[in-house]
């Protein structure tokens, strides 16, 4: 059975169903970089297009992990993370 493609509207509705009151779609251009930072609350990211790589530099053994279309990444409140966007850019739904 073929999975239906994710649309922005259906993906935003899905993220809202996970209990996130503030949901929006964001697009980063190719090779964007977010230096180490944290957020005050739990955030989630559902990738619609492209790839991103994330690491947690304050972890004991930080590793870079790359995520693509359909992947969900949750970042706990206060957890320092660093993000690199892939060569084709990345569009994702953010819940916070």
PDB file of N, CA and C in Angstrom:
ATOM      1  N   UNK A   1       0.843  -1.181   0.000  1.00  0.00           N
ATOM      2  CA  UNK A   1       0.000   0.000   0.000  1.00  0.00           C
ATOM      3  C   UNK A   1       0.887   1.242   0.000  1.00  0.00           C
ATOM      4  N   UNK A   2       0.596   2.183  -0.865  1.00  0.00           N
ATOM      5  CA  UNK A   2       1.389   3.398  -0.976  1.00  0.00           C
ATOM      6  C   UNK A   2       0.919   4.426   0.047  1.00  0.00           C
ATOM      7  N   UNK A   3       1.881   5.042   0.729  1.00  0.00           N
ATOM      8  CA  UNK A   3       1.565   6.081   1.706  1.00  0.00           C
ATOM      9  C   UNK A   3       1.263   7.378   0.969  1.00  0.00           C
ATOM     10  N   UNK A   4       0.192   8.086   1.401  1.00  0.00           N
ATOM     11  CA  UNK A   4      -0.148   9.362   0.791  1.00  0.00           C
ATOM     12  C   UNK A   4       0.948  10.378   1.082  1.00  0.00           C
ATOM     13  N   UNK A   5       1.284  11.233   0.100  1.00  0.00           N
ATOM     14  CA  UNK A   5       2.297  12.258   0.361  1.00  0.00           C
ATOM     15  C   UNK A   5       1.821  13.223   1.443  1.00  0.00           C
ATOM     16  N   UNK A   6       2.763  13.736   2.207  1.00  0.00           N
ATOM     17  CA  UNK A   6       2.435  14.672   3.274  1.00  0.00           C
ATOM     18  C   UNK A   6       2.242  16.066   2.684  1.00  0.00           C
ATOM     19  N   UNK A   7       1.122  16.685   2.995  1.00  0.00           N
ATOM     20  CA  UNK A   7       0.904  18.070   2.601  1.00  0.00           C
ATOM     21  C   UNK A   7       1.175  18.956   3.811  1.00  0.00           C
ATOM     22  N   UNK A   8       1.361  20.227   3.557  1.00  0.00           N
ATOM     23  CA  UNK A   8       1.597  21.152   4.667  1.00  0.00           C
ATOM     24  C   UNK A   8       0.406  21.144   5.616  1.00  0.00           C
ATOM     25  N   UNK A   9      -0.789  21.212   5.078  1.00  0.00           N
ATOM     26  CA  UNK A   9      -1.990  21.271   5.918  1.00  0.00           C
ATOM     27  C   UNK A   9      -2.144  20.008   6.768  1.00  0.00           C
ATOM     28  N   UNK A  10      -2.014  18.836   6.146  1.00  0.00           N
ATOM     29  CA  UNK A  10      -2.189  17.592   6.911  1.00  0.00           C
ATOM     30  C   UNK A  10      -1.069  17.409   7.926  1.00  0.00           C
ATOM     31  N   UNK A  11       0.127  17.844   7.588  1.00  0.00           N
ATOM     32  CA  UNK A  11       1.258  17.716   8.512  1.00  0.00           C
ATOM     33  C   UNK A  11       1.100  18.647   9.706  1.00  0.00           C
ATOM     34  N   UNK A  12       0.639  19.867   9.467  1.00  0.00           N
ATOM     35  CA  UNK A  12       0.397  20.785  10.580  1.00  0.00           C
ATOM     36  C   UNK A  12      -0.702  20.239  11.491  1.00  0.00           C
ATOM     37  N   UNK A  13      -1.750  19.651  10.907  1.00  0.00           N
ATOM     38  CA  UNK A  13      -2.822  19.053  11.711  1.00  0.00           C
ATOM     39  C   UNK A  13      -2.292  17.889  12.537  1.00  0.00           C
ATOM     40  N   UNK A  14      -1.401  17.091  11.938  1.00  0.00           N
ATOM     41  CA  UNK A  14      -0.820  15.964  12.668  1.00  0.00           C
ATOM     42  C   UNK A  14      -0.004  16.450  13.864  1.00  0.00           C
ATOM     43  N   UNK A  15       0.834  17.458  13.654  1.00  0.00           N
ATOM     44  CA  UNK A  15       1.655  17.975  14.754  1.00  0.00           C
ATOM     45  C   UNK A  15       0.761  18.565  15.854  1.00  0.00           C
ATOM     46  N   UNK A  16      -0.305  19.249  15.479  1.00  0.00           N
ATOM     47  CA  UNK A  16      -1.246  19.761  16.486  1.00  0.00           C
ATOM     48  C   UNK A  16      -1.851  18.616  17.286  1.00  0.00           C
ATOM     49  N   UNK A  17      -2.127  17.488  16.609  1.00  0.00           N
ATOM     50  CA  UNK A  17      -2.726  16.339  17.299  1.00  0.00           C
ATOM     51  C   UNK A  17      -1.777  15.732  18.326  1.00  0.00           C
ATOM     52  N   UNK A  18      -0.486  16.039  18.232  1.00  0.00           N
ATOM     53  CA  UNK A  18       0.495  15.552  19.208  1.00  0.00           C
ATOM     54  C   UNK A  18       0.498  16.412  20.472  1.00  0.00           C
ATOM     55  N   UNK A  19      -0.316  17.473  20.484  1.00  0.00           N
ATOM     56  CA  UNK A  19      -0.437  18.296  21.686  1.00  0.00           C
ATOM     57  C   UNK A  19       0.345  19.595  21.668  1.00  0.00           C
ATOM     58  N   UNK A  20       0.851  19.988  20.513  1.00  0.00           N
ATOM     59  CA  UNK A  20       1.601  21.244  20.415  1.00  0.00           C
ATOM     60  C   UNK A  20       0.640  22.375  20.044  1.00  0.00           C
ATOM     61  N   UNK A  21       0.514  23.401  20.906  1.00  0.00           N
ATOM     62  CA  UNK A  21      -0.449  24.471  20.633  1.00  0.00           C
ATOM     63  C   UNK A  21      -0.006  25.457  19.551  1.00  0.00           C
ATOM     64  N   UNK A  22       1.302  25.642  19.370  1.00  0.00           N
ATOM     65  CA  UNK A  22       1.817  26.583  18.368  1.00  0.00           C
ATOM     66  C   UNK A  22       2.511  25.775  17.284  1.00  0.00           C
ATOM     67  N   UNK A  23       1.927  25.770  16.079  1.00  0.00           N
ATOM     68  CA  UNK A  23       2.425  24.950  14.972  1.00  0.00           C
ATOM     69  C   UNK A  23       2.552  25.826  13.731  1.00  0.00           C
ATOM     70  N   UNK A  24       3.690  25.690  13.031  1.00  0.00           N
ATOM     71  CA  UNK A  24       3.894  26.442  11.796  1.00  0.00           C
ATOM     72  C   UNK A  24       4.890  25.698  10.916  1.00  0.00           C
ATOM     73  N   UNK A  25       4.890  26.049   9.634  1.00  0.00           N
ATOM     74  CA  UNK A  25       5.821  25.447   8.678  1.00  0.00           C
ATOM     75  C   UNK A  25       6.932  26.444   8.386  1.00  0.00           C
ATOM     76  N   UNK A  26       8.163  25.924   8.326  1.00  0.00           N
ATOM     77  CA  UNK A  26       9.355  26.756   8.130  1.00  0.00           C
ATOM     78  C   UNK A  26      10.190  26.159   7.010  1.00  0.00           C
ATOM     79  N   UNK A  27      10.802  27.021   6.204  1.00  0.00           N
ATOM     80  CA  UNK A  27      11.706  26.568   5.149  1.00  0.00           C
ATOM     81  C   UNK A  27      13.053  27.249   5.318  1.00  0.00           C
ATOM     82  N   UNK A  28      14.111  26.439   5.296  1.00  0.00           N
ATOM     83  CA  UNK A  28      15.481  26.949   5.315  1.00  0.00           C
ATOM     84  C   UNK A  28      16.095  26.732   3.947  1.00  0.00           C
ATOM     85  N   UNK A  29      16.931  27.667   3.526  1.00  0.00           N
ATOM     86  CA  UNK A  29      17.648  27.527   2.275  1.00  0.00           C
ATOM     87  C   UNK A  29      18.782  26.525   2.397  1.00  0.00           C
ATOM     88  N   UNK A  30      19.403  26.193   1.261  1.00  0.00           N
ATOM     89  CA  UNK A  30      20.502  25.230   1.251  1.00  0.00           C
ATOM     90  C   UNK A  30      21.627  25.625   2.207  1.00  0.00           C
ATOM     91  N   UNK A  31      22.121  24.630   2.914  1.00  0.00           N
ATOM     92  CA  UNK A  31      23.305  24.743   3.767  1.00  0.00           C
ATOM     93  C   UNK A  31      23.184  25.770   4.896  1.00  0.00           C
ATOM     94  N   UNK A  32      21.961  26.068   5.317  1.00  0.00           N
ATOM     95  CA  UNK A  32      21.787  26.949   6.482  1.00  0.00           C
ATOM     96  C   UNK A  32      22.368  26.259   7.715  1.00  0.00           C
ATOM     97  N   UNK A  33      22.726  27.052   8.703  1.00  0.00           N
ATOM     98  CA  UNK A  33      23.327  26.512   9.933  1.00  0.00           C
ATOM     99  C   UNK A  33      22.768  27.268  11.126  1.00  0.00           C
ATOM    100  N   UNK A  34      22.383  26.511  12.147  1.00  0.00           N
ATOM    101  CA  UNK A  34      21.959  27.103  13.415  1.00  0.00           C
ATOM    102  C   UNK A  34      22.991  26.719  14.464  1.00  0.00           C
ATOM    103  N   UNK A  35      23.762  27.676  14.973  1.00  0.00           N
ATOM    104  CA  UNK A  35      24.771  27.357  15.987  1.00  0.00           C
ATOM    105  C   UNK A  35      24.101  26.839  17.259  1.00  0.00           C
ATOM    106  N   UNK A  36      24.896  26.297  18.177  1.00  0.00           N
ATOM    107  CA  UNK A  36      24.320  25.724  19.397  1.00  0.00           C
ATOM    108  C   UNK A  36      23.353  26.695  20.088  1.00  0.00           C
ATOM    109  N   UNK A  37      22.170  26.161  20.404  1.00  0.00           N
ATOM    110  CA  UNK A  37      21.122  26.947  21.056  1.00  0.00           C
ATOM    111  C   UNK A  37      20.146  25.998  21.737  1.00  0.00           C
ATOM    112  N   UNK A  38      19.229  26.561  22.510  1.00  0.00           N
ATOM    113  CA  UNK A  38      18.188  25.754  23.150  1.00  0.00           C
ATOM    114  C   UNK A  38      16.885  26.545  23.129  1.00  0.00           C
ATOM    115  N   UNK A  39      15.800  25.872  23.494  1.00  0.00           N
ATOM    116  CA  UNK A  39      14.482  26.487  23.560  1.00  0.00           C
ATOM    117  C   UNK A  39      13.918  26.291  24.959  1.00  0.00           C
ATOM    118  N   UNK A  40      13.013  27.176  25.348  1.00  0.00           N
ATOM    119  CA  UNK A  40      12.440  27.095  26.698  1.00  0.00           C
ATOM    120  C   UNK A  40      11.489  25.919  26.866  1.00  0.00           C
ATOM    121  N   UNK A  41      10.889  25.459  25.784  1.00  0.00           N
ATOM    122  CA  UNK A  41       9.943  24.346  25.864  1.00  0.00           C
ATOM    123  C   UNK A  41      10.302  23.252  24.883  1.00  0.00           C
ATOM    124  N   UNK A  42       9.627  22.114  25.011  1.00  0.00           N
ATOM    125  CA  UNK A  42       9.786  21.007  24.068  1.00  0.00           C
ATOM    126  C   UNK A  42       9.416  21.486  22.667  1.00  0.00           C
ATOM    127  N   UNK A  43      10.219  21.124  21.670  1.00  0.00           N
ATOM    128  CA  UNK A  43       9.890  21.417  20.276  1.00  0.00           C
ATOM    129  C   UNK A  43       9.945  20.125  19.476  1.00  0.00           C
ATOM    130  N   UNK A  44       9.159  20.082  18.408  1.00  0.00           N
ATOM    131  CA  UNK A  44       9.201  18.952  17.495  1.00  0.00           C
ATOM    132  C   UNK A  44       9.339  19.484  16.081  1.00  0.00           C
ATOM    133  N   UNK A  45       9.922  18.672  15.216  1.00  0.00           N
ATOM    134  CA  UNK A  45      10.134  19.042  13.819  1.00  0.00           C
ATOM    135  C   UNK A  45       9.736  17.840  12.964  1.00  0.00           C
ATOM    136  N   UNK A  46       8.816  18.034  12.022  1.00  0.00           N
ATOM    137  CA  UNK A  46       8.386  16.989  11.097  1.00  0.00           C
ATOM    138  C   UNK A  46       8.821  17.418   9.705  1.00  0.00           C
ATOM    139  N   UNK A  47       9.726  16.654   9.107  1.00  0.00           N
ATOM    140  CA  UNK A  47      10.338  17.064   7.837  1.00  0.00           C
ATOM    141  C   UNK A  47       9.421  16.738   6.657  1.00  0.00           C
ATOM    142  N   UNK A  48       9.152  17.773   5.840  1.00  0.00           N
ATOM    143  CA  UNK A  48       8.326  17.627   4.646  1.00  0.00           C
ATOM    144  C   UNK A  48       9.156  17.520   3.374  1.00  0.00           C
ATOM    145  N   UNK A  49      10.310  18.184   3.343  1.00  0.00           N
ATOM    146  CA  UNK A  49      11.163  18.198   2.152  1.00  0.00           C
ATOM    147  C   UNK A  49      12.595  18.431   2.582  1.00  0.00           C
ATOM    148  N   UNK A  50      13.526  17.727   1.957  1.00  0.00           N
ATOM    149  CA  UNK A  50      14.942  17.923   2.237  1.00  0.00           C
ATOM    150  C   UNK A  50      15.423  17.138   3.444  1.00  0.00           C
ATOM    151  N   UNK A  51      16.576  17.570   3.959  1.00  0.00           N
ATOM    152  CA  UNK A  51      17.219  16.888   5.089  1.00  0.00           C
ATOM    153  C   UNK A  51      17.811  17.914   6.040  1.00  0.00           C
ATOM    154  N   UNK A  52      17.950  17.483   7.294  1.00  0.00           N
ATOM    155  CA  UNK A  52      18.704  18.269   8.262  1.00  0.00           C
ATOM    156  C   UNK A  52      19.518  17.327   9.131  1.00  0.00           C
ATOM    157  N   UNK A  53      20.619  17.855   9.639  1.00  0.00           N
ATOM    158  CA  UNK A  53      21.504  17.102  10.527  1.00  0.00           C
ATOM    159  C   UNK A  53      21.541  17.831  11.854  1.00  0.00           C
ATOM    160  N   UNK A  54      21.437  17.070  12.939  1.00  0.00           N
ATOM    161  CA  UNK A  54      21.402  17.661  14.275  1.00  0.00           C
ATOM    162  C   UNK A  54      22.393  16.955  15.183  1.00  0.00           C
ATOM    163  N   UNK A  55      22.958  17.712  16.096  1.00  0.00           N
ATOM    164  CA  UNK A  55      23.807  17.139  17.139  1.00  0.00           C
ATOM    165  C   UNK A  55      23.509  17.864  18.446  1.00  0.00           C
ATOM    166  N   UNK A  56      23.866  17.218  19.524  1.00  0.00           N
ATOM    167  CA  UNK A  56      23.682  17.773  20.864  1.00  0.00           C
ATOM    168  C   UNK A  56      25.070  17.927  21.477  1.00  0.00           C
ATOM    169  N   UNK A  57      25.725  19.089  21.260  1.00  0.00           N
ATOM    170  CA  UNK A  57      27.139  19.248  21.592  1.00  0.00           C
ATOM    171  C   UNK A  57      27.486  19.096  23.068  1.00  0.00           C
ATOM    172  N   UNK A  58      26.528  19.206  23.958  1.00  0.00           N
ATOM    173  CA  UNK A  58      26.834  19.061  25.383  1.00  0.00           C
ATOM    174  C   UNK A  58      26.652  17.626  25.872  1.00  0.00           C
ATOM    175  N   UNK A  59      26.194  16.727  24.991  1.00  0.00           N
ATOM    176  CA  UNK A  59      26.094  15.315  25.366  1.00  0.00           C
ATOM    177  C   UNK A  59      27.488  14.742  25.579  1.00  0.00           C
ATOM    178  N   UNK A  60      27.571  13.656  26.309  1.00  0.00           N
ATOM    179  CA  UNK A  60      28.870  13.043  26.604  1.00  0.00           C
ATOM    180  C   UNK A  60      29.603  12.626  25.332  1.00  0.00           C
ATOM    181  N   UNK A  61      28.912  11.991  24.404  1.00  0.00           N
ATOM    182  CA  UNK A  61      29.498  11.570  23.125  1.00  0.00           C
ATOM    183  C   UNK A  61      28.610  12.072  21.989  1.00  0.00           C
ATOM    184  N   UNK A  62      28.690  13.363  21.660  1.00  0.00           N
ATOM    185  CA  UNK A  62      27.775  13.899  20.643  1.00  0.00           C
ATOM    186  C   UNK A  62      28.008  13.279  19.272  1.00  0.00           C
ATOM    187  N   UNK A  63      26.907  12.944  18.613  1.00  0.00           N
ATOM    188  CA  UNK A  63      26.959  12.409  17.255  1.00  0.00           C
ATOM    189  C   UNK A  63      26.058  13.261  16.378  1.00  0.00           C
ATOM    190  N   UNK A  64      26.412  13.375  15.105  1.00  0.00           N
ATOM    191  CA  UNK A  64      25.553  14.045  14.141  1.00  0.00           C
ATOM    192  C   UNK A  64      24.633  12.991  13.525  1.00  0.00           C
ATOM    193  N   UNK A  65      23.335  13.283  13.512  1.00  0.00           N
ATOM    194  CA  UNK A  65      22.352  12.376  12.928  1.00  0.00           C
ATOM    195  C   UNK A  65      21.572  13.153  11.873  1.00  0.00           C
ATOM    196  N   UNK A  66      21.425  12.557  10.688  1.00  0.00           N
ATOM    197  CA  UNK A  66      20.713  13.198   9.592  1.00  0.00           C
ATOM    198  C   UNK A  66      19.313  12.606   9.470  1.00  0.00           C
ATOM    199  N   UNK A  67      18.325  13.494   9.285  1.00  0.00           N
ATOM    200  CA  UNK A  67      16.925  13.109   9.158  1.00  0.00           C
ATOM    201  C   UNK A  67      16.385  13.605   7.828  1.00  0.00           C
ATOM    202  N   UNK A  68      15.403  12.879   7.280  1.00  0.00           N
ATOM    203  CA  UNK A  68      14.809  13.240   6.000  1.00  0.00           C
ATOM    204  C   UNK A  68      13.294  13.240   6.047  1.00  0.00           C
ATOM    205  N   UNK A  69      12.690  13.262   4.879  1.00  0.00           N
ATOM    206  CA  UNK A  69      11.243  13.380   4.725  1.00  0.00           C
ATOM    207  C   UNK A  69      10.506  12.343   5.570  1.00  0.00           C
ATOM    208  N   UNK A  70       9.542  12.836   6.349  1.00  0.00           N
ATOM    209  CA  UNK A  70       8.723  11.972   7.192  1.00  0.00           C
ATOM    210  C   UNK A  70       9.265  11.756   8.585  1.00  0.00           C
ATOM    211  N   UNK A  71      10.510  12.149   8.828  1.00  0.00           N
ATOM    212  CA  UNK A  71      11.108  11.956  10.154  1.00  0.00           C
ATOM    213  C   UNK A  71      10.619  13.026  11.126  1.00  0.00           C
ATOM    214  N   UNK A  72      10.487  12.596  12.385  1.00  0.00           N
ATOM    215  CA  UNK A  72      10.116  13.498  13.479  1.00  0.00           C
ATOM    216  C   UNK A  72      11.298  13.598  14.435  1.00  0.00           C
ATOM    217  N   UNK A  73      11.654  14.835  14.792  1.00  0.00           N
ATOM    218  CA  UNK A  73      12.741  15.078  15.736  1.00  0.00           C
ATOM    219  C   UNK A  73      12.171  15.885  16.896  1.00  0.00           C
ATOM    220  N   UNK A  74      12.263  15.351  18.103  1.00  0.00           N
ATOM    221  CA  UNK A  74      11.847  16.068  19.304  1.00  0.00           C
ATOM    222  C   UNK A  74      13.091  16.551  20.038  1.00  0.00           C
ATOM    223  N   UNK A  75      13.056  17.797  20.492  1.00  0.00           N
ATOM    224  CA  UNK A  75      14.165  18.371  21.254  1.00  0.00           C
ATOM    225  C   UNK A  75      13.608  18.833  22.597  1.00  0.00           C
ATOM    226  N   UNK A  76      14.114  18.243  23.666  1.00  0.00           N
ATOM    227  CA  UNK A  76      13.640  18.578  25.010  1.00  0.00           C
ATOM    228  C   UNK A  76      13.948  20.025  25.375  1.00  0.00           C
ATOM    229  N   UNK A  77      13.118  20.592  26.226  1.00  0.00           N
ATOM    230  CA  UNK A  77      13.321  21.955  26.721  1.00  0.00           C
ATOM    231  C   UNK A  77      14.713  22.086  27.328  1.00  0.00           C
ATOM    232  N   UNK A  78      15.421  23.141  26.951  1.00  0.00           N
ATOM    233  CA  UNK A  78      16.735  23.418  27.517  1.00  0.00           C
ATOM    234  C   UNK A  78      17.877  22.597  26.950  1.00  0.00           C
ATOM    235  N   UNK A  79      17.603  21.637  26.065  1.00  0.00           N
ATOM    236  CA  UNK A  79      18.672  20.793  25.517  1.00  0.00           C
ATOM    237  C   UNK A  79      19.382  21.544  24.387  1.00  0.00           C
ATOM    238  N   UNK A  80      20.667  21.750  24.541  1.00  0.00           N
ATOM    239  CA  UNK A  80      21.455  22.480  23.545  1.00  0.00           C
ATOM    240  C   UNK A  80      21.646  21.595  22.315  1.00  0.00           C
ATOM    241  N   UNK A  81      21.354  22.168  21.145  1.00  0.00           N
ATOM    242  CA  UNK A  81      21.494  21.439  19.887  1.00  0.00           C
ATOM    243  C   UNK A  81      22.016  22.378  18.805  1.00  0.00           C
ATOM    244  N   UNK A  82      22.597  21.767  17.778  1.00  0.00           N
ATOM    245  CA  UNK A  82      23.145  22.492  16.631  1.00  0.00           C
ATOM    246  C   UNK A  82      22.611  21.811  15.382  1.00  0.00           C
ATOM    247  N   UNK A  83      22.247  22.607  14.358  1.00  0.00           N
ATOM    248  CA  UNK A  83      21.579  22.061  13.182  1.00  0.00           C
ATOM    249  C   UNK A  83      22.236  22.568  11.902  1.00  0.00           C
ATOM    250  N   UNK A  84      22.380  21.640  10.935  1.00  0.00           N
ATOM    251  CA  UNK A  84      22.849  21.954   9.591  1.00  0.00           C
ATOM    252  C   UNK A  84      21.769  21.511   8.616  1.00  0.00           C
ATOM    253  N   UNK A  85      21.444  22.372   7.666  1.00  0.00           N
ATOM    254  CA  UNK A  85      20.451  22.059   6.643  1.00  0.00           C
ATOM    255  C   UNK A  85      21.180  21.500   5.423  1.00  0.00           C
ATOM    256  N   UNK A  86      20.538  20.556   4.741  1.00  0.00           N
ATOM    257  CA  UNK A  86      21.147  19.899   3.587  1.00  0.00           C
ATOM    258  C   UNK A  86      21.289  20.803   2.372  1.00  0.00           C
ATOM    259  N   UNK A  87      21.940  20.263   1.348  1.00  0.00           N
ATOM    260  CA  UNK A  87      22.247  20.999   0.116  1.00  0.00           C
ATOM    261  C   UNK A  87      21.012  21.493  -0.634  1.00  0.00           C
ATOM    262  N   UNK A  88      19.862  20.837  -0.433  1.00  0.00           N
ATOM    263  CA  UNK A  88      18.643  21.213  -1.149  1.00  0.00           C
ATOM    264  C   UNK A  88      17.709  22.063  -0.297  1.00  0.00           C
ATOM    265  N   UNK A  89      18.156  22.462   0.886  1.00  0.00           N
ATOM    266  CA  UNK A  89      17.279  23.171   1.802  1.00  0.00           C
ATOM    267  C   UNK A  89      16.392  22.181   2.541  1.00  0.00           C
ATOM    268  N   UNK A  90      15.486  22.685   3.362  1.00  0.00           N
ATOM    269  CA  UNK A  90      14.629  21.808   4.153  1.00  0.00           C
ATOM    270  C   UNK A  90      13.368  22.565   4.557  1.00  0.00           C
ATOM    271  N   UNK A  91      12.224  21.906   4.397  1.00  0.00           N
ATOM    272  CA  UNK A  91      10.947  22.436   4.862  1.00  0.00           C
ATOM    273  C   UNK A  91      10.430  21.498   5.930  1.00  0.00           C
ATOM    274  N   UNK A  92      10.007  22.052   7.056  1.00  0.00           N
ATOM    275  CA  UNK A  92       9.541  21.215   8.154  1.00  0.00           C
ATOM    276  C   UNK A  92       8.476  21.941   8.957  1.00  0.00           C
ATOM    277  N   UNK A  93       7.618  21.142   9.592  1.00  0.00           N
ATOM    278  CA  UNK A  93       6.597  21.674  10.482  1.00  0.00           C
ATOM    279  C   UNK A  93       7.186  21.680  11.884  1.00  0.00           C
ATOM    280  N   UNK A  94       7.058  22.807  12.565  1.00  0.00           N
ATOM    281  CA  UNK A  94       7.558  22.952  13.930  1.00  0.00           C
ATOM    282  C   UNK A  94       6.366  23.021  14.877  1.00  0.00           C
ATOM    283  N   UNK A  95       6.464  22.282  15.957  1.00  0.00           N
ATOM    284  CA  UNK A  95       5.481  22.374  17.028  1.00  0.00           C
ATOM    285  C   UNK A  95       6.194  22.792  18.293  1.00  0.00           C
ATOM    286  N   UNK A  96       5.580  23.748  18.997  1.00  0.00           N
ATOM    287  CA  UNK A  96       6.164  24.190  20.264  1.00  0.00           C
ATOM    288  C   UNK A  96       5.072  24.537  21.248  1.00  0.00           C
TER     289      UNK A  96
END
